[in-house]
């Protein structure tokens, strides 16, 4: 048991009312107990609306008065997004609330009655017990620009997913009706190719037009670098196509709508990213983080949207744990298990950090050398994927230092790790 666990347990005192809430979409259940686990009254049922929240707070007040409690701590499972409304309401009322891991609830519920039975009342009781034992985390509820940024980055992620879905459908359409199209255009997302798909997507339409008429279609999208040579190549491809010949009327409407959706989503994404850039530029440490070669403004925005104000952290280890990049070991007796990352915490943060290490290793001289050192050193060389995880943890420390000290990136300081480690190896 570490210091953090002890601190959490000490927050639940004799005068503390511990409340566990099982969150659902419409109706929630709450159970109250003291710091030893003695239950107070029956389970309380309340709805996810203004009146329900008001009744819940009144019930807490009654429980505190009846049992001589002066403090309260409310625990709940982060069930989807349903907990956010109640969490925001409790925060506005200056009431402490915490979150428990759903996996902990599932594993703990058999302790009381030796039964895996699941009920809303039982889950509320289990959640309260976990809070009493200090097995909870305090939610990072962002405010101000940080809250706006998190919403914006979540929306950007949705747009990216929608774009990927539309791109896949366009590829599928091309494979079905004009598979030779990508022999002419290296990618369908170019201006001339999009114009072609919008105006003359089907081989039969291409065959009916003259070279000059096809070039005019190209010019509607791209003004330069596309001419008669490309038009001739497209006509040849249309003549030898093996694309489907049936359902062409609706196929033409389908690709037109797909292109409209693609362009609309791209426009929305561009507008959103402009808004994000304007927000990020005013946040502490953002400019300094972006000064790292290989790190873009969207990476910085994603990182800050996940952790909030970096000044709220006392050590980069806290951010590493939040990302689920802290190491865990599975060993017992003579068995020595593999050490791996925990993958707990915020998966989006972990994904952002892991994805950015690829361009960092490719574009940033210091990170590339550090990666080469870890994968080729004589003692305990790492595999490439292991090294990338180390690079992600290193980036957290660099971000933390730049954000806290408000200084620009200095690659020479990063290179000291290699020199120090090489010196240790020589001494050993």
Protein backbone atom coordinates (compact mmCIF):
# COMPACT_ATOMS: atom_id res chain seq x y z
CA UNK A 1 0.00 0.00 0.00
CA UNK A 2 1.54 3.30 -1.08
CA UNK A 3 1.20 6.82 0.21
CA UNK A 4 -1.57 7.66 -2.23
CA UNK A 5 -3.68 4.76 -0.98
CA UNK A 6 -3.11 5.82 2.64
CA UNK A 7 -4.11 9.39 1.83
CA UNK A 8 -7.34 8.24 0.23
CA UNK A 9 -8.24 6.05 3.21
CA UNK A 10 -7.55 8.91 5.63
CA UNK A 11 -10.06 11.08 3.78
CA UNK A 12 -12.82 8.77 5.04
CA UNK A 13 -13.12 9.66 8.73
CA UNK A 14 -15.52 8.94 11.59
CA UNK A 15 -17.58 11.99 10.68
CA UNK A 16 -17.73 11.05 6.97
CA UNK A 17 -20.87 9.70 5.32
CA UNK A 18 -19.86 7.36 2.48
CA UNK A 19 -22.38 7.14 -0.36
CA UNK A 20 -22.19 4.69 -3.25
CA UNK A 21 -24.25 5.37 -6.39
CA UNK A 22 -25.01 2.86 -9.12
CA UNK A 23 -25.45 4.99 -12.23
CA UNK A 24 -27.90 4.15 -15.02
CA UNK A 25 -29.41 6.02 -17.96
CA UNK A 26 -32.67 7.00 -16.22
CA UNK A 27 -32.74 5.73 -12.62
CA UNK A 28 -29.91 5.55 -10.06
CA UNK A 29 -29.61 3.76 -6.72
CA UNK A 30 -27.64 5.04 -3.72
CA UNK A 31 -26.50 3.38 -0.47
CA UNK A 32 -25.02 5.10 2.60
CA UNK A 33 -22.63 3.78 5.25
CA UNK A 34 -19.97 4.89 7.72
CA UNK A 35 -16.18 4.54 7.63
CA UNK A 36 -16.37 0.97 9.03
CA UNK A 37 -18.90 -0.24 6.46
CA UNK A 38 -22.04 -0.16 8.66
CA UNK A 39 -25.02 0.56 6.39
CA UNK A 40 -27.56 3.31 7.01
CA UNK A 41 -31.14 2.73 5.93
CA UNK A 42 -32.40 1.29 2.68
CA UNK A 43 -31.23 1.96 -0.86
CA UNK A 44 -32.40 5.31 -2.23
CA UNK A 45 -33.80 5.48 -5.74
CA UNK A 46 -33.64 8.72 -7.77
CA UNK A 47 -33.92 9.78 -11.40
CA UNK A 48 -31.41 11.47 -13.69
CA UNK A 49 -33.20 14.81 -13.75
CA UNK A 50 -33.27 18.05 -11.77
CA UNK A 51 -35.89 16.84 -9.30
CA UNK A 52 -34.08 13.53 -8.86
CA UNK A 53 -30.79 15.27 -8.07
CA UNK A 54 -32.58 17.58 -5.62
CA UNK A 55 -34.15 14.58 -3.85
CA UNK A 56 -30.75 12.86 -3.74
CA UNK A 57 -29.10 15.83 -2.06
CA UNK A 58 -31.94 16.08 0.45
CA UNK A 59 -31.59 12.35 1.23
CA UNK A 60 -27.87 12.86 1.87
CA UNK A 61 -28.66 15.75 4.19
CA UNK A 62 -31.14 13.61 6.16
CA UNK A 63 -28.63 10.72 6.37
CA UNK A 64 -25.96 13.08 7.71
CA UNK A 65 -28.26 14.58 10.33
CA UNK A 66 -29.61 11.21 11.50
CA UNK A 67 -26.13 9.72 11.87
CA UNK A 68 -24.18 12.74 13.16
CA UNK A 69 -22.02 13.16 10.06
CA UNK A 70 -20.48 16.44 9.01
CA UNK A 71 -18.80 15.37 5.76
CA UNK A 72 -19.83 13.33 2.75
CA UNK A 73 -18.02 11.58 -0.08
CA UNK A 74 -19.99 10.20 -3.02
CA UNK A 75 -18.61 7.37 -5.14
CA UNK A 76 -19.89 6.16 -8.51
CA UNK A 77 -18.91 4.06 -11.50
CA UNK A 78 -18.00 5.99 -14.67
CA UNK A 79 -20.75 4.19 -16.61
CA UNK A 80 -20.46 5.56 -20.14
CA UNK A 81 -21.32 9.26 -20.10
CA UNK A 82 -24.27 8.97 -17.70
CA UNK A 83 -22.25 9.91 -14.62
CA UNK A 84 -21.18 13.27 -16.02
CA UNK A 85 -24.43 15.11 -15.26
CA UNK A 86 -24.56 13.99 -11.64
CA UNK A 87 -20.84 14.64 -11.25
CA UNK A 88 -21.20 18.19 -12.57
CA UNK A 89 -24.17 18.79 -10.25
CA UNK A 90 -22.25 17.56 -7.19
CA UNK A 91 -19.23 19.65 -8.14
CA UNK A 92 -21.37 22.78 -8.43
CA UNK A 93 -22.73 22.04 -4.94
CA UNK A 94 -19.13 21.79 -3.62
CA UNK A 95 -19.69 18.13 -2.71
CA UNK A 96 -16.78 15.70 -2.99
CA UNK A 97 -17.33 12.85 -5.41
CA UNK A 98 -14.98 10.15 -6.68
CA UNK A 99 -14.97 7.35 -9.25
CA UNK A 100 -14.41 3.62 -8.76
CA UNK A 101 -13.16 1.20 -11.39
CA UNK A 102 -15.99 -0.96 -12.86
CA UNK A 103 -13.56 -3.92 -12.88
CA UNK A 104 -13.10 -3.50 -9.11
CA UNK A 105 -16.86 -3.51 -8.59
CA UNK A 106 -17.23 -6.71 -10.60
CA UNK A 107 -14.48 -8.49 -8.65
CA UNK A 108 -15.56 -7.22 -5.22
CA UNK A 109 -19.31 -7.92 -5.34
CA UNK A 110 -18.88 -11.61 -4.40
CA UNK A 111 -17.14 -10.85 -1.08
CA UNK A 112 -20.27 -10.07 0.96
CA UNK A 113 -22.58 -12.92 -0.07
CA UNK A 114 -20.23 -15.23 -2.02
CA UNK A 115 -22.49 -14.74 -5.04
CA UNK A 116 -21.86 -13.05 -8.42
CA UNK A 117 -25.46 -11.77 -8.39
CA UNK A 118 -25.79 -8.28 -9.86
CA UNK A 119 -28.43 -5.81 -8.70
CA UNK A 120 -28.46 -2.02 -8.62
CA UNK A 121 -28.74 -1.97 -4.82
CA UNK A 122 -25.89 -4.43 -4.39
CA UNK A 123 -23.64 -2.49 -6.75
CA UNK A 124 -24.30 0.74 -4.85
CA UNK A 125 -23.26 -1.00 -1.62
CA UNK A 126 -20.08 -2.39 -3.25
CA UNK A 127 -19.17 1.05 -4.61
CA UNK A 128 -19.51 2.56 -1.12
CA UNK A 129 -17.24 -0.17 0.29
CA UNK A 130 -14.57 0.53 -2.34
CA UNK A 131 -14.68 4.24 -1.51
CA UNK A 132 -14.35 3.42 2.21
CA UNK A 133 -11.22 1.34 1.42
CA UNK A 134 -9.69 4.17 -0.59
CA UNK A 135 -10.00 2.30 -3.90
CA UNK A 136 -11.11 5.21 -6.01
CA UNK A 137 -9.79 7.96 -8.23
CA UNK A 138 -10.61 11.63 -8.23
CA UNK A 139 -12.08 12.73 -11.58
CA UNK A 140 -10.33 15.37 -13.64
CA UNK A 141 -13.31 17.63 -14.38
CA UNK A 142 -11.94 20.34 -16.66
CA UNK A 143 -13.11 23.93 -16.65
CA UNK A 144 -12.89 26.98 -18.88
CA UNK A 145 -10.75 26.64 -22.00
CA UNK A 146 -9.65 23.16 -20.95
CA UNK A 147 -13.25 21.94 -20.95
CA UNK A 148 -13.86 23.60 -24.34
CA UNK A 149 -10.72 21.96 -25.71
CA UNK A 150 -11.72 18.49 -24.55
CA UNK A 151 -15.13 18.82 -26.22
CA UNK A 152 -13.47 20.11 -29.41
CA UNK A 153 -10.96 17.24 -29.54
CA UNK A 154 -13.73 14.70 -28.92
CA UNK A 155 -15.68 16.23 -31.81
CA UNK A 156 -12.55 16.15 -34.00
CA UNK A 157 -12.13 12.46 -33.24
CA UNK A 158 -15.73 11.82 -34.33
CA UNK A 159 -15.14 13.74 -37.57
CA UNK A 160 -12.02 11.67 -38.24
CA UNK A 161 -13.98 8.46 -37.72
CA UNK A 162 -16.74 9.67 -40.02
CA UNK A 163 -14.15 10.61 -42.65
CA UNK A 164 -12.55 7.18 -42.43
CA UNK A 165 -15.97 5.59 -42.86
CA UNK A 166 -16.74 7.72 -45.94
CA UNK A 167 -13.29 7.02 -47.44
CA UNK A 168 -13.82 3.30 -47.02
CA UNK A 169 -17.20 3.53 -48.77
CA UNK A 170 -15.71 5.49 -51.67
CA UNK A 171 -12.97 2.86 -52.05
CA UNK A 172 -15.63 0.16 -52.01
CA UNK A 173 -17.64 2.00 -54.68
CA UNK A 174 -14.59 2.38 -56.93
CA UNK A 175 -13.69 -1.31 -56.55
CA UNK A 176 -17.21 -2.28 -57.59
CA UNK A 177 -17.96 0.07 -60.49
CA UNK A 178 -14.63 1.39 -61.82
CA UNK A 179 -11.69 -0.62 -60.33
CA UNK A 180 -9.26 0.74 -62.97
CA UNK A 181 -9.88 4.32 -61.77
CA UNK A 182 -6.95 4.20 -59.31
CA UNK A 183 -4.60 3.09 -62.11
CA UNK A 184 -5.16 6.53 -63.59
CA UNK A 185 -5.23 8.56 -60.38
CA UNK A 186 -2.78 7.55 -57.66
CA UNK A 187 -5.37 8.58 -55.06
CA UNK A 188 -9.03 9.49 -55.38
CA UNK A 189 -8.77 12.40 -52.90
CA UNK A 190 -6.97 14.68 -55.36
CA UNK A 191 -8.86 17.67 -56.76
CA UNK A 192 -9.06 16.35 -60.32
CA UNK A 193 -10.08 12.85 -59.27
CA UNK A 194 -12.80 14.15 -56.94
CA UNK A 195 -14.12 16.33 -59.76
CA UNK A 196 -14.17 13.24 -62.02
CA UNK A 197 -16.01 11.13 -59.46
CA UNK A 198 -18.57 13.88 -59.00
CA UNK A 199 -19.16 14.58 -62.72
CA UNK A 200 -18.36 11.39 -64.66
CA UNK A 201 -17.80 8.54 -62.17
CA UNK A 202 -18.92 5.66 -64.42
CA UNK A 203 -16.87 4.14 -67.28
CA UNK A 204 -19.82 4.47 -69.70
CA UNK A 205 -19.93 8.22 -69.06
CA UNK A 206 -16.19 8.53 -69.70
CA UNK A 207 -16.47 6.59 -72.98
CA UNK A 208 -19.14 8.96 -74.30
CA UNK A 209 -16.95 12.08 -73.85
CA UNK A 210 -14.13 13.43 -75.99
CA UNK A 211 -10.65 14.00 -74.57
CA UNK A 212 -11.19 17.78 -74.45
CA UNK A 213 -14.47 17.35 -72.55
CA UNK A 214 -12.79 15.11 -69.94
CA UNK A 215 -10.03 17.70 -69.50
CA UNK A 216 -12.71 20.33 -68.80
CA UNK A 217 -14.04 18.08 -66.00
CA UNK A 218 -10.51 17.85 -64.59
CA UNK A 219 -10.15 21.63 -64.68
CA UNK A 220 -13.25 22.09 -62.53
CA UNK A 221 -11.25 20.64 -59.66
CA UNK A 222 -7.58 21.17 -60.52
CA UNK A 223 -6.42 24.14 -62.58
CA UNK A 224 -2.96 22.80 -63.37
CA UNK A 225 -0.92 19.61 -63.87
CA UNK A 226 -3.82 17.58 -65.31
CA UNK A 227 -4.38 17.45 -69.08
CA UNK A 228 -4.90 15.37 -72.21
CA UNK A 229 -2.45 12.64 -71.25
CA UNK A 230 -4.42 11.85 -68.09
CA UNK A 231 -7.72 12.06 -70.02
CA UNK A 232 -6.48 9.54 -72.61
CA UNK A 233 -5.37 7.20 -69.85
CA UNK A 234 -8.82 7.47 -68.22
CA UNK A 235 -10.56 6.60 -71.50
CA UNK A 236 -8.33 3.54 -71.96
CA UNK A 237 -9.15 2.42 -68.41
CA UNK A 238 -12.89 2.95 -69.03
CA UNK A 239 -12.80 0.80 -72.18
CA UNK A 240 -11.12 -2.17 -70.48
CA UNK A 241 -13.03 -1.93 -67.19
CA UNK A 242 -14.43 -5.00 -65.46
CA UNK A 243 -16.71 -2.92 -63.24
CA UNK A 244 -20.31 -3.87 -62.47
CA UNK A 245 -22.75 -2.86 -65.22
CA UNK A 246 -26.02 -3.02 -63.29
CA UNK A 247 -27.66 -0.54 -60.93
CA UNK A 248 -25.67 2.32 -62.45
CA UNK A 249 -28.31 5.02 -61.98
CA UNK A 250 -28.34 4.60 -58.20
CA UNK A 251 -24.58 3.99 -58.14
CA UNK A 252 -24.05 7.44 -59.65
CA UNK A 253 -26.28 9.03 -57.00
CA UNK A 254 -24.44 7.09 -54.27
CA UNK A 255 -20.95 8.30 -55.23
CA UNK A 256 -22.22 11.87 -55.63
CA UNK A 257 -23.62 11.82 -52.10
CA UNK A 258 -20.44 10.24 -50.73
CA UNK A 259 -18.31 12.98 -52.29
CA UNK A 260 -20.62 15.67 -50.87
CA UNK A 261 -20.32 14.11 -47.40
CA UNK A 262 -16.54 13.82 -47.74
CA UNK A 263 -16.13 17.49 -48.68
CA UNK A 264 -18.55 18.62 -45.96
CA UNK A 265 -16.70 16.63 -43.26
CA UNK A 266 -13.34 17.97 -44.45
CA UNK A 267 -14.65 21.53 -44.28
CA UNK A 268 -16.02 20.97 -40.77
CA UNK A 269 -12.71 19.46 -39.68
CA UNK A 270 -10.70 22.39 -41.07
CA UNK A 271 -12.95 24.94 -39.35
CA UNK A 272 -12.79 23.03 -36.08
CA UNK A 273 -8.99 22.77 -36.19
CA UNK A 274 -8.74 26.56 -36.66
CA UNK A 275 -10.85 26.99 -33.52
CA UNK A 276 -8.65 24.50 -31.66
CA UNK A 277 -5.44 26.30 -32.69
CA UNK A 278 -6.84 29.60 -31.41
CA UNK A 279 -7.76 27.98 -28.07
CA UNK A 280 -4.48 26.12 -27.54
CA UNK A 281 -2.26 29.11 -28.22
CA UNK A 282 -3.49 30.77 -25.00
CA UNK A 283 -2.91 27.75 -22.73
CA UNK A 284 0.19 27.54 -20.47
CA UNK A 285 2.99 25.44 -21.97
CA UNK A 286 1.38 24.90 -25.38
CA UNK A 287 3.87 26.99 -27.39
CA UNK A 288 6.79 25.38 -25.57
CA UNK A 289 5.49 21.85 -26.27
CA UNK A 290 5.00 22.68 -29.94
CA UNK A 291 8.64 23.78 -30.15
CA UNK A 292 9.64 20.07 -30.25
CA UNK A 293 10.38 19.10 -33.86
CA UNK A 294 7.92 16.38 -34.89
CA UNK A 295 5.16 17.53 -32.52
CA UNK A 296 2.24 19.34 -34.12
CA UNK A 297 -0.34 21.65 -32.63
CA UNK A 298 -3.06 18.95 -32.77
CA UNK A 299 -0.86 16.60 -30.72
CA UNK A 300 -0.35 19.31 -28.12
CA UNK A 301 -4.09 20.05 -28.14
CA UNK A 302 -4.91 16.35 -27.68
CA UNK A 303 -2.40 16.01 -24.82
CA UNK A 304 -3.69 19.08 -22.96
CA UNK A 305 -7.34 18.14 -23.55
CA UNK A 306 -6.71 14.84 -21.77
CA UNK A 307 -4.65 16.03 -18.78
CA UNK A 308 -5.98 19.56 -18.29
CA UNK A 309 -3.73 22.19 -16.72
CA UNK A 310 -0.25 20.69 -16.45
CA UNK A 311 0.44 22.93 -13.44
CA UNK A 312 -1.95 20.75 -11.40
CA UNK A 313 0.52 17.83 -11.48
CA UNK A 314 3.38 17.41 -9.05
CA UNK A 315 5.36 14.86 -11.05
CA UNK A 316 5.34 13.43 -14.62
CA UNK A 317 4.72 9.98 -13.10
CA UNK A 318 1.15 11.10 -12.41
CA UNK A 319 0.60 11.77 -16.13
CA UNK A 320 2.28 8.49 -17.07
CA UNK A 321 -0.09 6.63 -14.77
CA UNK A 322 -3.06 8.58 -16.14
CA UNK A 323 -2.05 7.38 -19.62
CA UNK A 324 -1.76 3.77 -18.44
CA UNK A 325 1.95 3.68 -19.36
CA UNK A 326 3.17 2.72 -15.88
CA UNK A 327 4.85 -0.70 -15.73
CA UNK A 328 3.25 -3.69 -13.97
CA UNK A 329 4.76 -7.10 -13.24
CA UNK A 330 3.10 -10.51 -12.97
CA UNK A 331 5.38 -12.67 -10.80
CA UNK A 332 4.81 -15.26 -8.08
CA UNK A 333 7.32 -17.45 -6.25
CA UNK A 334 9.90 -18.73 -8.74
CA UNK A 335 7.78 -17.61 -11.67
CA UNK A 336 9.05 -14.39 -13.20
CA UNK A 337 6.34 -12.91 -15.41
CA UNK A 338 6.73 -10.31 -18.11
CA UNK A 339 6.71 -6.62 -17.25
CA UNK A 340 4.22 -4.65 -19.32
CA UNK A 341 2.28 -1.40 -19.24
CA UNK A 342 -0.92 -1.33 -17.19
CA UNK A 343 -3.16 0.13 -19.95
CA UNK A 344 -5.31 1.68 -17.22
CA UNK A 345 -6.32 5.32 -17.23
CA UNK A 346 -7.21 7.36 -20.30
CA UNK A 347 -6.86 5.35 -23.54
CA UNK A 348 -7.06 8.49 -25.71
CA UNK A 349 -4.04 9.98 -23.94
CA UNK A 350 -2.09 6.75 -24.36
CA UNK A 351 -3.03 6.61 -28.05
CA UNK A 352 -1.96 10.23 -28.66
CA UNK A 353 1.42 9.67 -27.03
CA UNK A 354 2.07 6.40 -28.85
CA UNK A 355 1.08 7.78 -32.28
CA UNK A 356 3.28 10.86 -31.99
CA UNK A 357 6.39 8.78 -31.21
CA UNK A 358 6.50 7.52 -34.83
CA UNK A 359 7.02 10.97 -36.41
CA UNK A 360 9.26 11.93 -33.49
CA UNK A 361 11.59 9.00 -34.11
CA UNK A 362 11.57 9.82 -37.82
CA UNK A 363 11.91 13.62 -37.72
CA UNK A 364 13.49 14.53 -34.38
CA UNK A 365 17.24 13.92 -34.25
CA UNK A 366 17.45 13.48 -30.48
CA UNK A 367 14.50 11.10 -30.20
CA UNK A 368 15.78 9.11 -33.20
CA UNK A 369 19.21 8.68 -31.61
CA UNK A 370 17.64 7.76 -28.30
CA UNK A 371 15.46 5.16 -30.05
CA UNK A 372 18.50 3.72 -31.85
CA UNK A 373 20.41 3.56 -28.57
CA UNK A 374 17.64 1.68 -26.73
CA UNK A 375 17.20 -0.86 -29.55
CA UNK A 376 20.91 -1.51 -30.18
CA UNK A 377 22.61 -1.18 -26.78
CA UNK A 378 24.74 -4.13 -25.66
CA UNK A 379 22.96 -4.66 -22.34
CA UNK A 380 19.19 -5.35 -22.39
CA UNK A 381 18.36 -3.99 -25.87
CA UNK A 382 14.68 -3.18 -26.34
CA UNK A 383 12.41 -4.27 -29.15
CA UNK A 384 11.16 -1.45 -31.38
CA UNK A 385 7.70 -1.40 -29.83
CA UNK A 386 9.15 -1.41 -26.31
CA UNK A 387 11.40 1.48 -27.27
CA UNK A 388 8.44 3.45 -28.61
CA UNK A 389 6.69 3.03 -25.24
CA UNK A 390 9.86 4.35 -23.55
CA UNK A 391 9.85 7.26 -26.03
CA UNK A 392 6.23 8.03 -25.10
CA UNK A 393 7.17 8.13 -21.40
CA UNK A 394 10.16 10.30 -22.24
CA UNK A 395 7.88 12.68 -24.15
CA UNK A 396 5.65 12.99 -21.07
CA UNK A 397 8.66 14.09 -19.01
CA UNK A 398 9.71 16.57 -21.72
CA UNK A 399 6.17 17.98 -22.02
CA UNK A 400 6.00 18.26 -18.23
CA UNK A 401 9.32 20.13 -17.99
CA UNK A 402 8.46 22.51 -20.84
CA UNK A 403 4.97 23.17 -19.52
CA UNK A 404 6.03 23.72 -15.92
CA UNK A 405 9.16 25.79 -16.57
CA UNK A 406 7.79 27.56 -19.68
CA UNK A 407 11.03 27.05 -21.63
CA UNK A 408 11.61 25.95 -25.23
CA UNK A 409 12.76 22.48 -26.15
CA UNK A 410 16.52 21.84 -25.86
CA UNK A 411 17.59 18.62 -27.57
CA UNK A 412 21.02 18.61 -25.91
CA UNK A 413 19.45 17.94 -22.51
CA UNK A 414 17.71 14.88 -23.95
CA UNK A 415 21.02 13.55 -25.27
CA UNK A 416 22.43 13.51 -21.73
CA UNK A 417 20.41 10.31 -21.12
CA UNK A 418 22.45 8.45 -23.75
CA UNK A 419 25.76 9.76 -22.43
CA UNK A 420 24.81 8.93 -18.84
CA UNK A 421 23.63 5.42 -19.69
CA UNK A 422 26.71 4.68 -21.81
CA UNK A 423 28.92 5.77 -18.92
CA UNK A 424 27.07 3.43 -16.55
CA UNK A 425 27.53 0.53 -19.01
CA UNK A 426 31.28 1.16 -19.24
CA UNK A 427 31.62 1.25 -15.45
CA UNK A 428 29.63 -2.00 -15.14
